[in-house]
Amino acid sequence: MKHLLAVCAGLLLLACSPKLSKLSEKDYSDDQLRRLADQAARQFIITDGHVDLPYRLTVQNFRLTREYIGIPIETDQGDFDFVRAKKGGLDAPFMSIFIPATYQVDGGAKELADSLIDLVNGIAAAHPDKFRVAFSPEEVRANFSKGIVSLPMGMENGAPIENELDRIDYFRKRGISYITLTHSKDNQICDSSYDSTRTWNGLSPFGRSVVQRMNQVGVMVDVSHISDSAFYQVMEVTTVPVIASHSSCRKFTPGLERNMNDDQLQVLAANGGVIMINFGTFFVDSEVQAYNDRKREELRALLEEKGLKQGDEAAKPIVEQFRKENPKLYADVQRVADHIDHVVAVAGIDHVGLGSDYDGVGDSLPTGLKDVSQYPNLLHELLRRGYSAEDLEKICSRNLFRVWEAVLAHATQH
């Protein structure tokens, strides 16, 4: 009991101070800071702007049963389940309704979106003591008070809208709280940061109408994945704050348009928006990624020299030995904290959040942030750097909630 009171008193002390000074930081041992981080993860609502669970389950041919091991019971599959979420203090992971770019060509985007939304609703219906779909911060707070994990939803790729603005209203009613305008290819709404075609040189005329309608009906605009030109044009059109649900800082990944540069961070701050930091190594550390890319190419060349491909049976011992001698590298929790530091320095503490991309970036997650049980490691690193309890709460949820509530309030007035 005395230990618990000491931890709570320490967190209260942090909450009373806008910034933990270097002097007061020395008053805490690393072990004490870790306990404070664990306490913060349970005291504050933690939201994550992007978790790709629904599509992962679909790829795994998920069949909903109460006993399904990947959801209510701890498992080593994927990055998310209820037990690990509770361990990490994750309270509101945005379920990504991910629509691959191929559906823009082959059709079926709306049908896939509906099926993924049905899946999320099915999880909540099968486990009402653990999960509940959430349409607003108010609902997230209510669920948090009951120990229930909220499942808000965001649609990754506006392809299911097709050319019908009324689809935005439809998906809002189905629970979609944000829409990432495009994904890996240009679509009917705007250009993608990954696509050099530049079909629209930013937003399409229809895309401008999409942003306006999203503002009107209370769906957050998500600028992750879109091209630089599209970003600036969105900022000209929108009348409410926007989010980048799972992007990081281009400072650490020069030339990667998928991440945001410093000018964009400042424009986002002026808009009142929030960037939610992606955890994947590709997004946070270009040097580590470049090393892994080089080693992958070396292995390919080695196998080619021997007339082999990686899937060949004869290649297995060669691959195993190569990987033993050249282990894959990963970013770490400190590098993710560096991105948060950078946003705070450029845009301010009110404009940063968490958007891990768990279940969406494969075997590239940082050391110390391998799954949803490990958010306290990041909070510990931030406390170690002098962030206050108020800062942590803003990063964990308050910043996003401010944007979400502003978007919903604007919709009620129109």
Protein backbone atom coordinates (compact mmCIF):
# COMPACT_ATOMS: atom_id res chain seq x y z
CA MET A 1 0.00 0.00 0.00
CA LYS A 2 2.80 2.42 0.90
CA HIS A 3 4.47 1.68 -2.43
CA LEU A 4 1.24 2.39 -4.35
CA LEU A 5 0.70 5.63 -2.45
CA ALA A 6 4.25 6.69 -3.23
CA VAL A 7 3.75 6.06 -6.94
CA CYS A 8 0.42 7.92 -6.97
CA ALA A 9 1.95 10.79 -5.03
CA GLY A 10 4.76 10.96 -7.55
CA LEU A 11 2.34 11.11 -10.47
CA LEU A 12 0.32 13.80 -8.69
CA LEU A 13 3.52 15.77 -8.23
CA LEU A 14 4.21 15.53 -11.94
CA ALA A 15 0.66 16.60 -12.72
CA CYS A 16 1.10 19.72 -10.62
CA SER A 17 4.22 20.73 -12.53
CA PRO A 18 3.96 21.88 -16.16
CA LYS A 19 7.45 20.56 -16.86
CA LEU A 20 9.70 18.19 -14.94
CA SER A 21 12.93 20.11 -14.39
CA LYS A 22 16.35 18.51 -14.68
CA LEU A 23 16.83 19.02 -10.96
CA SER A 24 13.59 17.29 -9.97
CA GLU A 25 14.22 14.55 -12.53
CA LYS A 26 17.27 13.54 -10.50
CA ASP A 27 14.98 12.96 -7.54
CA TYR A 28 13.55 9.92 -9.34
CA SER A 29 15.43 6.71 -9.95
CA ASP A 30 14.91 4.94 -13.26
CA ASP A 31 12.85 2.32 -11.44
CA GLN A 32 10.62 5.02 -9.98
CA LEU A 33 10.16 6.59 -13.41
CA ARG A 34 9.13 3.20 -14.78
CA ARG A 35 6.54 2.83 -12.05
CA LEU A 36 5.28 6.34 -12.79
CA ALA A 37 5.03 5.42 -16.49
CA ASP A 38 3.02 2.30 -15.64
CA GLN A 39 0.74 4.39 -13.44
CA ALA A 40 0.31 7.03 -16.16
CA ALA A 41 -0.64 4.32 -18.68
CA ARG A 42 -3.51 3.33 -16.41
CA GLN A 43 -4.55 6.76 -15.21
CA PHE A 44 -4.67 8.42 -18.63
CA ILE A 45 -6.71 7.30 -21.63
CA ILE A 46 -4.32 6.05 -24.31
CA THR A 47 -5.57 6.38 -27.86
CA ASP A 48 -3.74 5.02 -30.88
CA GLY A 49 -4.63 6.56 -34.21
CA HIS A 50 -4.05 3.46 -36.31
CA VAL A 51 -4.21 -0.28 -35.59
CA ASP A 52 -4.63 -2.63 -38.56
CA LEU A 53 -6.32 -5.46 -36.67
CA PRO A 54 -9.45 -5.80 -38.88
CA TYR A 55 -7.54 -6.37 -42.11
CA ARG A 56 -5.07 -8.72 -40.40
CA LEU A 57 -7.95 -10.84 -39.16
CA THR A 58 -9.52 -10.82 -42.62
CA VAL A 59 -6.26 -11.99 -44.20
CA GLN A 60 -6.14 -14.76 -41.59
CA ASN A 61 -9.67 -15.82 -42.62
CA PHE A 62 -11.00 -14.78 -39.22
CA ARG A 63 -14.18 -16.47 -38.02
CA LEU A 64 -15.83 -14.78 -35.06
CA THR A 65 -16.29 -16.90 -31.95
CA ARG A 66 -16.12 -15.91 -28.31
CA GLU A 67 -13.19 -18.28 -27.92
CA TYR A 68 -11.11 -16.84 -30.74
CA ILE A 69 -7.62 -16.71 -29.30
CA GLY A 70 -6.46 -13.58 -31.10
CA ILE A 71 -8.89 -11.20 -29.41
CA PRO A 72 -9.96 -11.90 -25.82
CA ILE A 73 -6.98 -14.05 -24.80
CA GLU A 74 -3.29 -13.18 -24.89
CA THR A 75 -1.54 -14.60 -27.94
CA ASP A 76 1.72 -14.31 -29.81
CA GLN A 77 -0.16 -13.62 -33.05
CA GLY A 78 -0.03 -10.08 -34.38
CA ASP A 79 0.48 -6.99 -32.25
CA PHE A 80 -2.94 -6.63 -30.59
CA ASP A 81 -5.23 -8.55 -28.27
CA PHE A 82 -7.30 -7.60 -25.23
CA VAL A 83 -4.86 -8.86 -22.60
CA ARG A 84 -1.88 -7.08 -24.12
CA ALA A 85 -3.93 -3.92 -24.60
CA LYS A 86 -4.77 -3.94 -20.91
CA LYS A 87 -1.13 -4.55 -19.97
CA GLY A 88 -0.09 -1.55 -22.03
CA GLY A 89 -2.94 0.72 -20.94
CA LEU A 90 -4.36 0.99 -24.46
CA ASP A 91 -7.95 2.22 -24.18
CA ALA A 92 -8.98 3.41 -27.64
CA PRO A 93 -7.18 1.89 -30.64
CA PHE A 94 -8.63 3.22 -33.89
CA MET A 95 -9.52 0.16 -35.91
CA SER A 96 -8.25 0.72 -39.44
CA ILE A 97 -10.79 -0.07 -42.13
CA PHE A 98 -8.01 -0.60 -44.65
CA ILE A 99 -8.81 -0.69 -48.36
CA PRO A 100 -5.83 -1.72 -50.54
CA ALA A 101 -5.30 0.36 -53.66
CA THR A 102 -6.07 -2.65 -55.87
CA TYR A 103 -9.74 -2.21 -54.98
CA GLN A 104 -9.68 1.15 -56.78
CA VAL A 105 -9.10 -0.77 -60.02
CA ASP A 106 -10.83 -4.09 -59.40
CA GLY A 107 -13.88 -2.75 -57.56
CA GLY A 108 -15.41 -3.97 -54.33
CA ALA A 109 -14.03 -1.21 -52.10
CA LYS A 110 -17.34 -0.42 -50.43
CA GLU A 111 -18.09 -4.09 -49.89
CA LEU A 112 -14.71 -4.63 -48.21
CA ALA A 113 -15.20 -1.56 -46.03
CA ASP A 114 -18.62 -2.78 -44.92
CA SER A 115 -17.26 -6.25 -44.14
CA LEU A 116 -14.44 -4.83 -42.01
CA ILE A 117 -16.85 -2.57 -40.15
CA ASP A 118 -19.08 -5.60 -39.60
CA LEU A 119 -16.08 -7.47 -38.21
CA VAL A 120 -15.31 -4.71 -35.67
CA ASN A 121 -18.96 -4.58 -34.64
CA GLY A 122 -18.89 -8.36 -34.34
CA ILE A 123 -15.90 -8.27 -31.99
CA ALA A 124 -17.72 -5.81 -29.75
CA ALA A 125 -20.92 -7.86 -29.85
CA ALA A 126 -19.11 -11.11 -29.04
CA HIS A 127 -17.15 -9.59 -26.14
CA PRO A 128 -19.34 -6.82 -24.65
CA ASP A 129 -17.47 -7.01 -21.35
CA LYS A 130 -14.22 -6.16 -23.13
CA PHE A 131 -14.89 -4.08 -26.24
CA ARG A 132 -17.32 -1.43 -27.42
CA VAL A 133 -17.43 0.57 -30.65
CA ALA A 134 -17.04 4.30 -29.98
CA PHE A 135 -18.27 7.23 -32.06
CA SER A 136 -16.90 10.10 -29.93
CA PRO A 137 -14.47 11.01 -27.13
CA GLU A 138 -17.45 11.10 -24.78
CA GLU A 139 -18.14 7.43 -25.50
CA VAL A 140 -14.45 6.57 -25.09
CA ARG A 141 -14.41 8.22 -21.67
CA ALA A 142 -17.56 6.36 -20.62
CA ASN A 143 -16.06 3.04 -21.72
CA PHE A 144 -12.78 3.84 -19.96
CA SER A 145 -14.63 4.37 -16.68
CA LYS A 146 -15.96 0.80 -17.01
CA GLY A 147 -12.66 -0.81 -17.99
CA ILE A 148 -13.86 -1.42 -21.54
CA VAL A 149 -11.56 -0.97 -24.54
CA SER A 150 -13.15 1.36 -27.11
CA LEU A 151 -12.97 0.51 -30.80
CA PRO A 152 -13.38 3.74 -32.78
CA MET A 153 -12.89 3.31 -36.51
CA GLY A 154 -11.01 5.14 -39.23
CA MET A 155 -11.14 4.30 -42.93
CA GLU A 156 -7.72 4.04 -44.58
CA ASN A 157 -8.31 5.05 -48.21
CA GLY A 158 -11.32 7.00 -49.44
CA ALA A 159 -11.85 4.57 -52.33
CA PRO A 160 -15.15 3.20 -50.88
CA ILE A 161 -16.68 6.66 -51.30
CA GLU A 162 -16.26 6.12 -55.04
CA ASN A 163 -17.87 9.20 -56.62
CA GLU A 164 -20.78 9.54 -54.22
CA LEU A 165 -20.53 12.22 -51.53
CA ASP A 166 -23.46 10.66 -49.68
CA ARG A 167 -21.20 7.71 -48.91
CA ILE A 168 -19.40 9.95 -46.40
CA ASP A 169 -22.65 10.35 -44.48
CA TYR A 170 -23.25 6.61 -44.79
CA PHE A 171 -19.87 5.66 -43.37
CA ARG A 172 -20.16 8.25 -40.62
CA LYS A 173 -23.39 6.59 -39.50
CA ARG A 174 -21.61 3.24 -39.60
CA GLY A 175 -19.01 4.52 -37.14
CA ILE A 176 -16.20 5.91 -39.29
CA SER A 177 -14.61 8.82 -37.41
CA TYR A 178 -11.83 9.65 -39.86
CA ILE A 179 -10.98 8.95 -43.48
CA THR A 180 -7.43 8.74 -44.81
CA LEU A 181 -8.03 10.32 -48.19
CA THR A 182 -5.92 7.85 -50.18
CA HIS A 183 -3.38 5.08 -49.64
CA SER A 184 -0.52 3.89 -51.86
CA LYS A 185 -1.89 5.06 -55.22
CA ASP A 186 -3.62 8.18 -56.48
CA ASN A 187 -7.39 7.77 -56.23
CA GLN A 188 -10.48 9.77 -57.12
CA ILE A 189 -9.87 12.14 -54.20
CA CYS A 190 -6.19 13.05 -54.29
CA ASP A 191 -2.62 12.04 -55.03
CA SER A 192 -0.67 9.59 -52.88
CA SER A 193 2.77 10.31 -51.46
CA TYR A 194 3.87 6.92 -52.82
CA ASP A 195 2.64 7.49 -56.39
CA SER A 196 4.75 9.54 -58.80
CA THR A 197 1.92 9.82 -61.35
CA ARG A 198 0.51 12.98 -59.70
CA THR A 199 -2.86 12.52 -61.34
CA TRP A 200 -4.36 15.66 -59.79
CA ASN A 201 -1.31 17.61 -58.62
CA GLY A 202 -2.94 17.53 -55.21
CA LEU A 203 -6.68 17.27 -54.60
CA SER A 204 -9.09 16.45 -57.39
CA PRO A 205 -12.13 18.73 -57.80
CA PHE A 206 -14.16 15.90 -56.25
CA GLY A 207 -11.60 15.68 -53.45
CA ARG A 208 -12.26 19.28 -52.48
CA SER A 209 -15.94 18.43 -52.16
CA VAL A 210 -15.01 15.38 -50.09
CA VAL A 211 -13.07 17.48 -47.58
CA GLN A 212 -15.95 19.95 -47.35
CA ARG A 213 -18.51 17.18 -46.81
CA MET A 214 -16.34 15.52 -44.18
CA ASN A 215 -16.22 18.84 -42.33
CA GLN A 216 -19.99 19.14 -42.58
CA VAL A 217 -20.87 15.68 -41.26
CA GLY A 218 -18.19 15.35 -38.57
CA VAL A 219 -15.61 13.00 -40.07
CA MET A 220 -11.99 13.91 -39.37
CA VAL A 221 -9.77 14.43 -42.42
CA ASP A 222 -6.65 12.26 -42.23
CA VAL A 223 -3.68 13.56 -44.23
CA SER A 224 -1.42 10.53 -43.76
CA HIS A 225 -0.41 8.95 -47.09
CA ILE A 226 -1.33 11.97 -49.22
CA SER A 227 1.14 13.95 -51.34
CA ASP A 228 2.64 17.24 -50.21
CA SER A 229 0.55 19.19 -52.71
CA ALA A 230 -2.59 17.43 -51.57
CA PHE A 231 -1.75 18.26 -47.95
CA TYR A 232 -1.44 21.98 -48.60
CA GLN A 233 -4.63 22.01 -50.65
CA VAL A 234 -6.50 20.19 -47.87
CA MET A 235 -5.33 22.86 -45.46
CA GLU A 236 -6.74 25.53 -47.76
CA VAL A 237 -10.14 23.82 -47.95
CA THR A 238 -10.76 22.51 -44.44
CA THR A 239 -12.49 24.70 -41.88
CA VAL A 240 -11.68 22.41 -38.93
CA PRO A 241 -8.50 20.78 -37.59
CA VAL A 242 -7.19 17.66 -39.32
CA ILE A 243 -5.10 14.70 -38.22
CA ALA A 244 -2.23 12.65 -39.60
CA SER A 245 -3.28 9.34 -38.05
CA HIS A 246 0.00 7.46 -38.54
CA SER A 247 2.84 9.61 -39.86
CA SER A 248 6.23 10.62 -38.51
CA CYS A 249 8.80 13.38 -39.07
CA ARG A 250 10.66 13.71 -42.37
CA LYS A 251 13.64 15.17 -40.52
CA PHE A 252 14.64 11.60 -39.62
CA THR A 253 13.76 10.11 -43.03
CA PRO A 254 14.99 12.63 -45.63
CA GLY A 255 13.16 12.38 -48.92
CA LEU A 256 10.30 10.25 -47.58
CA GLU A 257 7.21 12.20 -48.62
CA ARG A 258 5.05 9.80 -46.60
CA ASN A 259 6.31 11.62 -43.47
CA MET A 260 5.71 15.30 -42.66
CA ASN A 261 8.32 18.02 -43.10
CA ASP A 262 8.80 20.90 -40.67
CA ASP A 263 6.77 23.39 -42.69
CA GLN A 264 3.86 20.96 -42.77
CA LEU A 265 4.13 20.50 -39.00
CA GLN A 266 3.88 24.26 -38.55
CA VAL A 267 0.92 24.50 -40.92
CA LEU A 268 -0.73 21.62 -39.08
CA ALA A 269 -0.21 23.42 -35.77
CA ALA A 270 -1.73 26.62 -37.15
CA ASN A 271 -4.74 24.54 -38.20
CA GLY A 272 -5.01 23.08 -34.70
CA GLY A 273 -4.35 19.58 -35.96
CA VAL A 274 -2.38 16.62 -34.62
CA ILE A 275 0.28 14.31 -36.06
CA MET A 276 0.17 10.83 -34.53
CA ILE A 277 3.60 9.22 -34.66
CA ASN A 278 4.00 5.98 -36.60
CA PHE A 279 6.28 3.45 -34.84
CA GLY A 280 7.52 1.42 -37.83
CA THR A 281 11.29 1.47 -38.39
CA PHE A 282 10.75 2.54 -42.02
CA PHE A 283 8.99 5.67 -40.75
CA VAL A 284 11.27 6.62 -37.87
CA ASP A 285 14.89 5.76 -38.76
CA SER A 286 16.15 5.93 -42.34
CA GLU A 287 19.68 4.81 -41.38
CA VAL A 288 18.47 1.57 -39.83
CA GLN A 289 16.14 1.01 -42.77
CA ALA A 290 18.97 1.62 -45.24
CA TYR A 291 21.15 -0.95 -43.46
CA ASN A 292 18.38 -3.56 -43.61
CA ASP A 293 17.80 -2.79 -47.29
CA ARG A 294 21.51 -3.26 -48.05
CA LYS A 295 21.63 -6.59 -46.24
CA ARG A 296 18.51 -7.80 -48.02
CA GLU A 297 20.14 -6.96 -51.37
CA GLU A 298 23.37 -8.69 -50.34
CA LEU A 299 21.44 -11.85 -49.49
CA ARG A 300 19.56 -11.72 -52.78
CA ALA A 301 22.85 -11.35 -54.69
CA LEU A 302 24.44 -14.21 -52.72
CA LEU A 303 21.57 -16.56 -53.55
CA GLU A 304 21.50 -15.46 -57.19
CA GLU A 305 25.21 -16.22 -57.46
CA LYS A 306 24.43 -19.78 -56.38
CA GLY A 307 21.43 -20.05 -58.70
CA LEU A 308 18.97 -20.04 -55.81
CA LYS A 309 15.92 -18.12 -54.67
CA GLN A 310 14.98 -17.43 -51.09
CA GLY A 311 12.10 -19.90 -51.04
CA ASP A 312 14.21 -22.80 -52.30
CA GLU A 313 14.90 -25.65 -49.89
CA ALA A 314 18.61 -25.54 -50.69
CA ALA A 315 18.68 -21.84 -49.82
CA LYS A 316 17.53 -22.33 -46.22
CA PRO A 317 20.94 -23.01 -44.60
CA ILE A 318 22.51 -20.15 -46.53
CA VAL A 319 19.75 -17.76 -45.45
CA GLU A 320 19.98 -18.90 -41.83
CA GLN A 321 23.75 -18.42 -41.73
CA PHE A 322 23.55 -15.02 -43.41
CA ARG A 323 20.93 -13.81 -40.95
CA LYS A 324 22.95 -15.14 -38.04
CA GLU A 325 25.95 -13.13 -39.21
CA ASN A 326 23.86 -10.11 -40.25
CA PRO A 327 20.95 -9.77 -37.82
CA LYS A 328 18.16 -7.43 -38.78
CA LEU A 329 18.24 -4.05 -37.05
CA TYR A 330 15.30 -2.16 -35.61
CA ALA A 331 14.66 1.38 -34.46
CA ASP A 332 14.14 1.77 -30.73
CA VAL A 333 11.80 3.51 -28.33
CA GLN A 334 14.29 6.36 -27.98
CA ARG A 335 14.02 7.13 -31.70
CA VAL A 336 10.23 7.24 -31.50
CA ALA A 337 10.59 9.68 -28.60
CA ASP A 338 12.94 11.73 -30.80
CA HIS A 339 10.06 12.20 -33.25
CA ILE A 340 7.79 13.37 -30.44
CA ASP A 341 10.51 15.76 -29.26
CA HIS A 342 10.80 17.14 -32.78
CA VAL A 343 7.08 17.75 -33.18
CA VAL A 344 7.01 19.50 -29.80
CA ALA A 345 9.96 21.70 -30.82
CA VAL A 346 8.50 22.61 -34.22
CA ALA A 347 4.73 22.58 -33.65
CA GLY A 348 4.17 22.44 -29.89
CA ILE A 349 3.04 19.89 -27.32
CA ASP A 350 -0.63 20.32 -28.35
CA HIS A 351 -0.08 18.81 -31.79
CA VAL A 352 1.36 15.33 -31.28
CA GLY A 353 -0.15 11.92 -30.52
CA LEU A 354 0.42 8.21 -31.08
CA GLY A 355 -0.40 6.31 -34.29
CA SER A 356 1.63 3.12 -34.05
CA ASP A 357 0.45 1.26 -37.17
CA TYR A 358 0.42 -1.92 -35.08
CA ASP A 359 -0.56 -4.96 -37.16
CA GLY A 360 0.30 -2.92 -40.25
CA VAL A 361 4.09 -2.67 -40.47
CA GLY A 362 5.10 -6.30 -40.08
CA ASP A 363 8.45 -7.18 -38.54
CA SER A 364 9.68 -3.60 -38.29
CA LEU A 365 8.49 -2.41 -34.89
CA PRO A 366 11.05 -0.76 -32.62
CA THR A 367 12.81 -2.47 -29.76
CA GLY A 368 10.69 -1.68 -26.71
CA LEU A 369 7.51 -1.11 -28.73
CA LYS A 370 6.91 -4.54 -30.23
CA ASP A 371 3.19 -4.71 -29.40
CA VAL A 372 0.36 -2.92 -27.60
CA SER A 373 1.59 -4.03 -24.17
CA GLN A 374 4.59 -1.70 -24.39
CA TYR A 375 3.24 1.87 -24.41
CA PRO A 376 4.61 2.34 -20.85
CA ASN A 377 8.13 2.04 -22.29
CA LEU A 378 7.50 5.12 -24.40
CA LEU A 379 5.93 7.00 -21.49
CA HIS A 380 8.97 6.10 -19.37
CA GLU A 381 11.30 7.50 -22.01
CA LEU A 382 9.28 10.71 -22.19
CA LEU A 383 9.29 11.06 -18.40
CA ARG A 384 13.03 10.48 -18.44
CA ARG A 385 13.34 13.38 -20.90
CA GLY A 386 11.37 15.68 -18.61
CA TYR A 387 7.81 15.50 -19.95
CA SER A 388 5.18 16.25 -17.32
CA ALA A 389 2.05 14.26 -16.56
CA GLU A 390 0.02 16.91 -18.40
CA ASP A 391 2.27 16.49 -21.43
CA LEU A 392 1.78 12.73 -21.37
CA GLU A 393 -1.98 13.05 -21.15
CA LYS A 394 -2.00 15.37 -24.16
CA ILE A 395 0.09 12.94 -26.18
CA CYS A 396 -1.97 9.93 -25.10
CA SER A 397 -5.41 11.34 -25.83
CA ARG A 398 -6.20 14.97 -25.05
CA ASN A 399 -4.75 16.38 -28.26
CA LEU A 400 -6.68 13.98 -30.46
CA PHE A 401 -9.85 14.40 -28.41
CA ARG A 402 -9.64 18.18 -28.88
CA VAL A 403 -9.58 17.75 -32.67
CA TRP A 404 -12.26 15.05 -32.66
CA GLU A 405 -14.59 17.14 -30.51
CA ALA A 406 -14.00 20.24 -32.64
CA VAL A 407 -14.92 18.31 -35.79
CA LEU A 408 -18.07 16.89 -34.19
CA ALA A 409 -19.08 20.30 -32.80
CA HIS A 410 -18.64 21.92 -36.22
CA ALA A 411 -20.90 19.27 -37.76
CA THR A 412 -23.72 20.00 -35.32
CA GLN A 413 -23.68 23.62 -36.47
CA HIS A 414 -24.06 22.77 -40.16
